[in-house]
Amino acid sequence: MTSHEWLRAGLLLTYTIISVLGMVLIKAADATFSVKSAIGFALYAGGFLLWIGVILRLMPLSQAFPLAAGMLLLGTQFAGWLALGEKLSPIPLGGVALILIGVVLVGMPESANS
């Protein structure tokens, strides 16, 4: 991978972590207007700003959106299970596996796609 590809991957991972953490904090908050909810909202908004301000300027939308959507789906499944005690059954896990395969295929460098 080139340094540009590492940068894009790192930005997408950062976006995913910030956004998922924000969603988990909002979901776990006791009240809509609480410190935990406010921090969650700020993180989620920060992820949005990273998406709009940086990621979409560095990547084609046709590649950025499927990667981000897939990573968010994977991240929220894992965070829901780990942090919120949500159950994962075999069918959703199969869907997660298919999404992971799709994320890998969409994220492959152009030279590998030719």
N, C-alpha and C. Protein backbone atom coordinates (compact mmCIF):
# COMPACT_ATOMS: atom_id res chain seq x y z
N MET A 1 0.84 -1.18 0.00
CA MET A 1 0.00 0.00 0.00
C MET A 1 0.88 1.24 0.00
N THR A 2 0.41 2.23 -0.74
CA THR A 2 1.15 3.50 -0.78
C THR A 2 0.80 4.33 0.45
N SER A 3 1.57 5.37 0.68
CA SER A 3 1.31 6.23 1.83
C SER A 3 -0.06 6.91 1.72
N HIS A 4 -0.49 7.22 0.50
CA HIS A 4 -1.81 7.83 0.29
C HIS A 4 -2.92 6.85 0.67
N GLU A 5 -2.74 5.59 0.31
CA GLU A 5 -3.74 4.56 0.67
C GLU A 5 -3.77 4.33 2.18
N TRP A 6 -2.62 4.35 2.82
CA TRP A 6 -2.57 4.23 4.29
C TRP A 6 -3.29 5.41 4.94
N LEU A 7 -3.10 6.61 4.41
CA LEU A 7 -3.76 7.80 4.94
C LEU A 7 -5.28 7.65 4.83
N ARG A 8 -5.76 7.25 3.65
CA ARG A 8 -7.20 7.07 3.46
C ARG A 8 -7.75 6.01 4.39
N ALA A 9 -7.04 4.89 4.53
CA ALA A 9 -7.49 3.82 5.43
C ALA A 9 -7.52 4.31 6.87
N GLY A 10 -6.50 5.05 7.27
CA GLY A 10 -6.46 5.59 8.63
C GLY A 10 -7.58 6.59 8.90
N LEU A 11 -7.87 7.42 7.92
CA LEU A 11 -8.95 8.39 8.07
C LEU A 11 -10.31 7.69 8.17
N LEU A 12 -10.52 6.66 7.34
CA LEU A 12 -11.78 5.91 7.41
C LEU A 12 -11.92 5.19 8.75
N LEU A 13 -10.82 4.63 9.24
CA LEU A 13 -10.86 3.96 10.54
C LEU A 13 -11.14 4.97 11.65
N THR A 14 -10.49 6.12 11.60
CA THR A 14 -10.72 7.17 12.60
C THR A 14 -12.17 7.63 12.56
N TYR A 15 -12.69 7.86 11.35
CA TYR A 15 -14.10 8.25 11.18
C TYR A 15 -15.03 7.22 11.79
N THR A 16 -14.76 5.95 11.52
CA THR A 16 -15.61 4.87 12.04
C THR A 16 -15.58 4.84 13.56
N ILE A 17 -14.40 4.89 14.14
CA ILE A 17 -14.27 4.82 15.60
C ILE A 17 -14.97 6.00 16.26
N ILE A 18 -14.74 7.21 15.75
CA ILE A 18 -15.35 8.40 16.33
C ILE A 18 -16.88 8.33 16.22
N SER A 19 -17.37 7.97 15.05
CA SER A 19 -18.82 7.92 14.84
C SER A 19 -19.49 6.84 15.67
N VAL A 20 -18.89 5.65 15.71
CA VAL A 20 -19.47 4.54 16.49
C VAL A 20 -19.44 4.87 17.97
N LEU A 21 -18.33 5.40 18.45
CA LEU A 21 -18.26 5.79 19.86
C LEU A 21 -19.31 6.83 20.19
N GLY A 22 -19.51 7.79 19.30
CA GLY A 22 -20.55 8.79 19.50
C GLY A 22 -21.93 8.16 19.58
N MET A 23 -22.23 7.22 18.67
CA MET A 23 -23.53 6.56 18.69
C MET A 23 -23.73 5.74 19.96
N VAL A 24 -22.69 5.05 20.39
CA VAL A 24 -22.78 4.23 21.61
C VAL A 24 -23.05 5.13 22.82
N LEU A 25 -22.36 6.25 22.92
CA LEU A 25 -22.58 7.15 24.05
C LEU A 25 -23.99 7.74 24.03
N ILE A 26 -24.48 8.10 22.86
CA ILE A 26 -25.84 8.61 22.77
C ILE A 26 -26.84 7.54 23.19
N LYS A 27 -26.66 6.32 22.71
CA LYS A 27 -27.56 5.21 23.05
C LYS A 27 -27.50 4.87 24.53
N ALA A 28 -26.31 4.93 25.13
CA ALA A 28 -26.13 4.55 26.53
C ALA A 28 -26.49 5.65 27.50
N ALA A 29 -26.72 6.86 27.01
CA ALA A 29 -27.03 7.98 27.90
C ALA A 29 -28.37 7.77 28.60
N ASP A 30 -28.43 8.18 29.85
CA ASP A 30 -29.65 8.05 30.64
C ASP A 30 -30.73 9.03 30.20
N ALA A 31 -30.31 10.16 29.68
CA ALA A 31 -31.26 11.20 29.27
C ALA A 31 -30.77 11.84 27.98
N THR A 32 -31.70 12.41 27.25
CA THR A 32 -31.34 13.07 25.99
C THR A 32 -30.37 14.22 26.22
N PHE A 33 -30.58 14.96 27.28
CA PHE A 33 -29.71 16.10 27.58
C PHE A 33 -28.87 15.77 28.80
N SER A 34 -27.80 15.00 28.57
CA SER A 34 -26.88 14.63 29.63
C SER A 34 -25.46 14.84 29.12
N VAL A 35 -24.50 14.76 30.02
CA VAL A 35 -23.10 14.91 29.62
C VAL A 35 -22.70 13.81 28.65
N LYS A 36 -23.10 12.57 28.95
CA LYS A 36 -22.77 11.44 28.07
C LYS A 36 -23.37 11.64 26.68
N SER A 37 -24.60 12.09 26.63
CA SER A 37 -25.26 12.35 25.36
C SER A 37 -24.57 13.49 24.60
N ALA A 38 -24.19 14.53 25.31
CA ALA A 38 -23.52 15.67 24.67
C ALA A 38 -22.16 15.27 24.10
N ILE A 39 -21.41 14.46 24.85
CA ILE A 39 -20.12 13.98 24.35
C ILE A 39 -20.33 13.09 23.14
N GLY A 40 -21.33 12.22 23.20
CA GLY A 40 -21.65 11.36 22.06
C GLY A 40 -22.01 12.16 20.83
N PHE A 41 -22.84 13.17 21.02
CA PHE A 41 -23.23 14.02 19.89
C PHE A 41 -22.02 14.75 19.32
N ALA A 42 -21.15 15.26 20.19
CA ALA A 42 -19.95 15.97 19.73
C ALA A 42 -19.04 15.03 18.93
N LEU A 43 -18.88 13.80 19.40
CA LEU A 43 -18.07 12.83 18.66
C LEU A 43 -18.70 12.50 17.31
N TYR A 44 -20.00 12.27 17.31
CA TYR A 44 -20.69 11.95 16.06
C TYR A 44 -20.59 13.11 15.07
N ALA A 45 -20.74 14.33 15.58
CA ALA A 45 -20.60 15.51 14.73
C ALA A 45 -19.16 15.65 14.22
N GLY A 46 -18.19 15.33 15.08
CA GLY A 46 -16.79 15.35 14.65
C GLY A 46 -16.53 14.34 13.53
N GLY A 47 -17.12 13.17 13.63
CA GLY A 47 -17.01 12.19 12.56
C GLY A 47 -17.60 12.70 11.26
N PHE A 48 -18.76 13.35 11.37
CA PHE A 48 -19.40 13.94 10.20
C PHE A 48 -18.50 14.99 9.55
N LEU A 49 -17.90 15.84 10.37
CA LEU A 49 -17.01 16.88 9.83
C LEU A 49 -15.77 16.27 9.18
N LEU A 50 -15.25 15.21 9.76
CA LEU A 50 -14.11 14.50 9.15
C LEU A 50 -14.53 13.92 7.80
N TRP A 51 -15.73 13.37 7.74
CA TRP A 51 -16.26 12.79 6.50
C TRP A 51 -16.40 13.85 5.42
N ILE A 52 -17.09 14.94 5.76
CA ILE A 52 -17.36 16.00 4.78
C ILE A 52 -16.11 16.79 4.44
N GLY A 53 -15.32 17.13 5.45
CA GLY A 53 -14.21 18.04 5.25
C GLY A 53 -12.93 17.42 4.73
N VAL A 54 -12.74 16.12 4.98
CA VAL A 54 -11.46 15.51 4.61
C VAL A 54 -11.65 14.29 3.70
N ILE A 55 -12.39 13.30 4.16
CA ILE A 55 -12.47 12.03 3.45
C ILE A 55 -13.03 12.19 2.05
N LEU A 56 -14.14 12.93 1.91
CA LEU A 56 -14.74 13.09 0.59
C LEU A 56 -13.87 13.90 -0.36
N ARG A 57 -12.92 14.64 0.17
CA ARG A 57 -12.00 15.39 -0.69
C ARG A 57 -10.83 14.52 -1.17
N LEU A 58 -10.57 13.44 -0.45
CA LEU A 58 -9.44 12.57 -0.80
C LEU A 58 -9.83 11.31 -1.58
N MET A 59 -11.11 10.96 -1.52
CA MET A 59 -11.54 9.69 -2.12
C MET A 59 -12.71 9.91 -3.06
N PRO A 60 -12.83 9.09 -4.08
CA PRO A 60 -14.04 9.15 -4.90
C PRO A 60 -15.25 8.67 -4.08
N LEU A 61 -16.37 9.32 -4.26
CA LEU A 61 -17.58 8.98 -3.51
C LEU A 61 -17.97 7.52 -3.72
N SER A 62 -17.79 7.01 -4.93
CA SER A 62 -18.17 5.63 -5.23
C SER A 62 -17.34 4.61 -4.45
N GLN A 63 -16.22 5.02 -3.94
CA GLN A 63 -15.40 4.15 -3.10
C GLN A 63 -15.57 4.50 -1.62
N ALA A 64 -15.62 5.78 -1.31
CA ALA A 64 -15.68 6.23 0.09
C ALA A 64 -16.98 5.80 0.76
N PHE A 65 -18.12 5.98 0.09
CA PHE A 65 -19.38 5.70 0.75
C PHE A 65 -19.57 4.22 1.08
N PRO A 66 -19.35 3.29 0.15
CA PRO A 66 -19.51 1.89 0.52
C PRO A 66 -18.54 1.45 1.63
N LEU A 67 -17.32 1.95 1.59
CA LEU A 67 -16.36 1.61 2.64
C LEU A 67 -16.82 2.14 3.99
N ALA A 68 -17.22 3.40 4.02
CA ALA A 68 -17.66 3.99 5.28
C ALA A 68 -18.93 3.32 5.80
N ALA A 69 -19.88 3.07 4.92
CA ALA A 69 -21.13 2.44 5.34
C ALA A 69 -20.87 1.03 5.87
N GLY A 70 -20.04 0.28 5.18
CA GLY A 70 -19.71 -1.07 5.63
C GLY A 70 -18.97 -1.06 6.96
N MET A 71 -18.03 -0.15 7.09
CA MET A 71 -17.27 -0.08 8.35
C MET A 71 -18.17 0.35 9.50
N LEU A 72 -19.11 1.27 9.24
CA LEU A 72 -20.04 1.68 10.30
C LEU A 72 -20.95 0.53 10.70
N LEU A 73 -21.42 -0.25 9.73
CA LEU A 73 -22.24 -1.41 10.07
C LEU A 73 -21.46 -2.41 10.91
N LEU A 74 -20.24 -2.68 10.51
CA LEU A 74 -19.41 -3.60 11.29
C LEU A 74 -19.13 -3.04 12.68
N GLY A 75 -18.78 -1.76 12.73
CA GLY A 75 -18.46 -1.13 14.01
C GLY A 75 -19.64 -1.08 14.96
N THR A 76 -20.83 -0.78 14.45
CA THR A 76 -21.99 -0.72 15.32
C THR A 76 -22.41 -2.10 15.81
N GLN A 77 -22.26 -3.12 14.97
CA GLN A 77 -22.56 -4.48 15.42
C GLN A 77 -21.64 -4.88 16.56
N PHE A 78 -20.35 -4.63 16.38
CA PHE A 78 -19.36 -5.00 17.39
C PHE A 78 -19.56 -4.18 18.66
N ALA A 79 -19.77 -2.87 18.52
CA ALA A 79 -19.95 -2.00 19.69
C ALA A 79 -21.24 -2.32 20.43
N GLY A 80 -22.31 -2.63 19.69
CA GLY A 80 -23.57 -3.00 20.34
C GLY A 80 -23.41 -4.24 21.18
N TRP A 81 -22.68 -5.20 20.66
CA TRP A 81 -22.43 -6.45 21.39
C TRP A 81 -21.51 -6.21 22.58
N LEU A 82 -20.41 -5.50 22.35
CA LEU A 82 -19.39 -5.31 23.38
C LEU A 82 -19.83 -4.32 24.47
N ALA A 83 -20.32 -3.17 24.05
CA ALA A 83 -20.59 -2.10 25.02
C ALA A 83 -22.02 -2.08 25.54
N LEU A 84 -22.97 -2.55 24.72
CA LEU A 84 -24.37 -2.44 25.11
C LEU A 84 -25.01 -3.79 25.43
N GLY A 85 -24.26 -4.86 25.30
CA GLY A 85 -24.77 -6.19 25.63
C GLY A 85 -25.82 -6.72 24.66
N GLU A 86 -25.82 -6.21 23.44
CA GLU A 86 -26.77 -6.69 22.44
C GLU A 86 -26.35 -8.07 21.95
N LYS A 87 -27.33 -8.88 21.60
CA LYS A 87 -27.07 -10.25 21.15
C LYS A 87 -26.80 -10.27 19.64
N LEU A 88 -25.92 -11.17 19.24
CA LEU A 88 -25.66 -11.41 17.83
C LEU A 88 -26.05 -12.85 17.51
N SER A 89 -26.94 -13.02 16.56
CA SER A 89 -27.33 -14.37 16.15
C SER A 89 -26.64 -14.72 14.84
N PRO A 90 -26.71 -15.99 14.43
CA PRO A 90 -25.97 -16.42 13.23
C PRO A 90 -26.33 -15.67 11.94
N ILE A 91 -27.58 -15.33 11.74
CA ILE A 91 -27.94 -14.65 10.49
C ILE A 91 -27.32 -13.26 10.41
N PRO A 92 -27.44 -12.41 11.45
CA PRO A 92 -26.75 -11.12 11.36
C PRO A 92 -25.23 -11.27 11.26
N LEU A 93 -24.66 -12.28 11.92
CA LEU A 93 -23.22 -12.50 11.80
C LEU A 93 -22.84 -12.88 10.36
N GLY A 94 -23.69 -13.65 9.71
CA GLY A 94 -23.46 -13.97 8.29
C GLY A 94 -23.50 -12.71 7.44
N GLY A 95 -24.45 -11.82 7.75
CA GLY A 95 -24.52 -10.55 7.04
C GLY A 95 -23.28 -9.71 7.26
N VAL A 96 -22.78 -9.70 8.49
CA VAL A 96 -21.56 -8.97 8.81
C VAL A 96 -20.39 -9.53 8.00
N ALA A 97 -20.32 -10.85 7.88
CA ALA A 97 -19.25 -11.48 7.09
C ALA A 97 -19.33 -11.06 5.62
N LEU A 98 -20.54 -11.04 5.08
CA LEU A 98 -20.70 -10.61 3.69
C LEU A 98 -20.32 -9.14 3.51
N ILE A 99 -20.69 -8.31 4.46
CA ILE A 99 -20.33 -6.89 4.40
C ILE A 99 -18.81 -6.74 4.45
N LEU A 100 -18.17 -7.50 5.33
CA LEU A 100 -16.72 -7.44 5.44
C LEU A 100 -16.05 -7.82 4.12
N ILE A 101 -16.56 -8.85 3.47
CA ILE A 101 -16.04 -9.24 2.15
C ILE A 101 -16.22 -8.10 1.16
N GLY A 102 -17.39 -7.47 1.16
CA GLY A 102 -17.64 -6.35 0.26
C GLY A 102 -16.73 -5.17 0.54
N VAL A 103 -16.51 -4.86 1.82
CA VAL A 103 -15.61 -3.76 2.18
C VAL A 103 -14.20 -4.03 1.66
N VAL A 104 -13.75 -5.25 1.81
CA VAL A 104 -12.41 -5.61 1.32
C VAL A 104 -12.34 -5.46 -0.19
N LEU A 105 -13.37 -5.94 -0.91
CA LEU A 105 -13.36 -5.85 -2.37
C LEU A 105 -13.44 -4.40 -2.86
N VAL A 106 -14.28 -3.60 -2.24
CA VAL A 106 -14.40 -2.20 -2.65
C VAL A 106 -13.12 -1.43 -2.34
N GLY A 107 -12.47 -1.78 -1.25
CA GLY A 107 -11.27 -1.07 -0.82
C GLY A 107 -9.99 -1.49 -1.51
N MET A 108 -10.06 -2.49 -2.37
CA MET A 108 -8.84 -2.95 -3.04
C MET A 108 -8.30 -1.84 -3.95
N PRO A 109 -6.97 -1.71 -4.00
CA PRO A 109 -6.38 -0.69 -4.87
C PRO A 109 -6.76 -0.92 -6.33
N GLU A 110 -6.78 0.17 -7.09
CA GLU A 110 -7.16 0.11 -8.50
C GLU A 110 -6.31 -0.88 -9.29
N SER A 111 -5.04 -0.98 -8.97
CA SER A 111 -4.16 -1.88 -9.71
C SER A 111 -4.60 -3.33 -9.55
N ALA A 112 -5.20 -3.68 -8.40
CA ALA A 112 -5.67 -5.04 -8.17
C ALA A 112 -7.00 -5.28 -8.88
N ASN A 113 -7.74 -4.22 -9.19
CA ASN A 113 -9.05 -4.36 -9.84
C ASN A 113 -8.95 -4.50 -11.35
N SER A 114 -7.80 -4.24 -11.94
CA SER A 114 -7.67 -4.28 -13.39
C SER A 114 -7.30 -5.64 -13.89
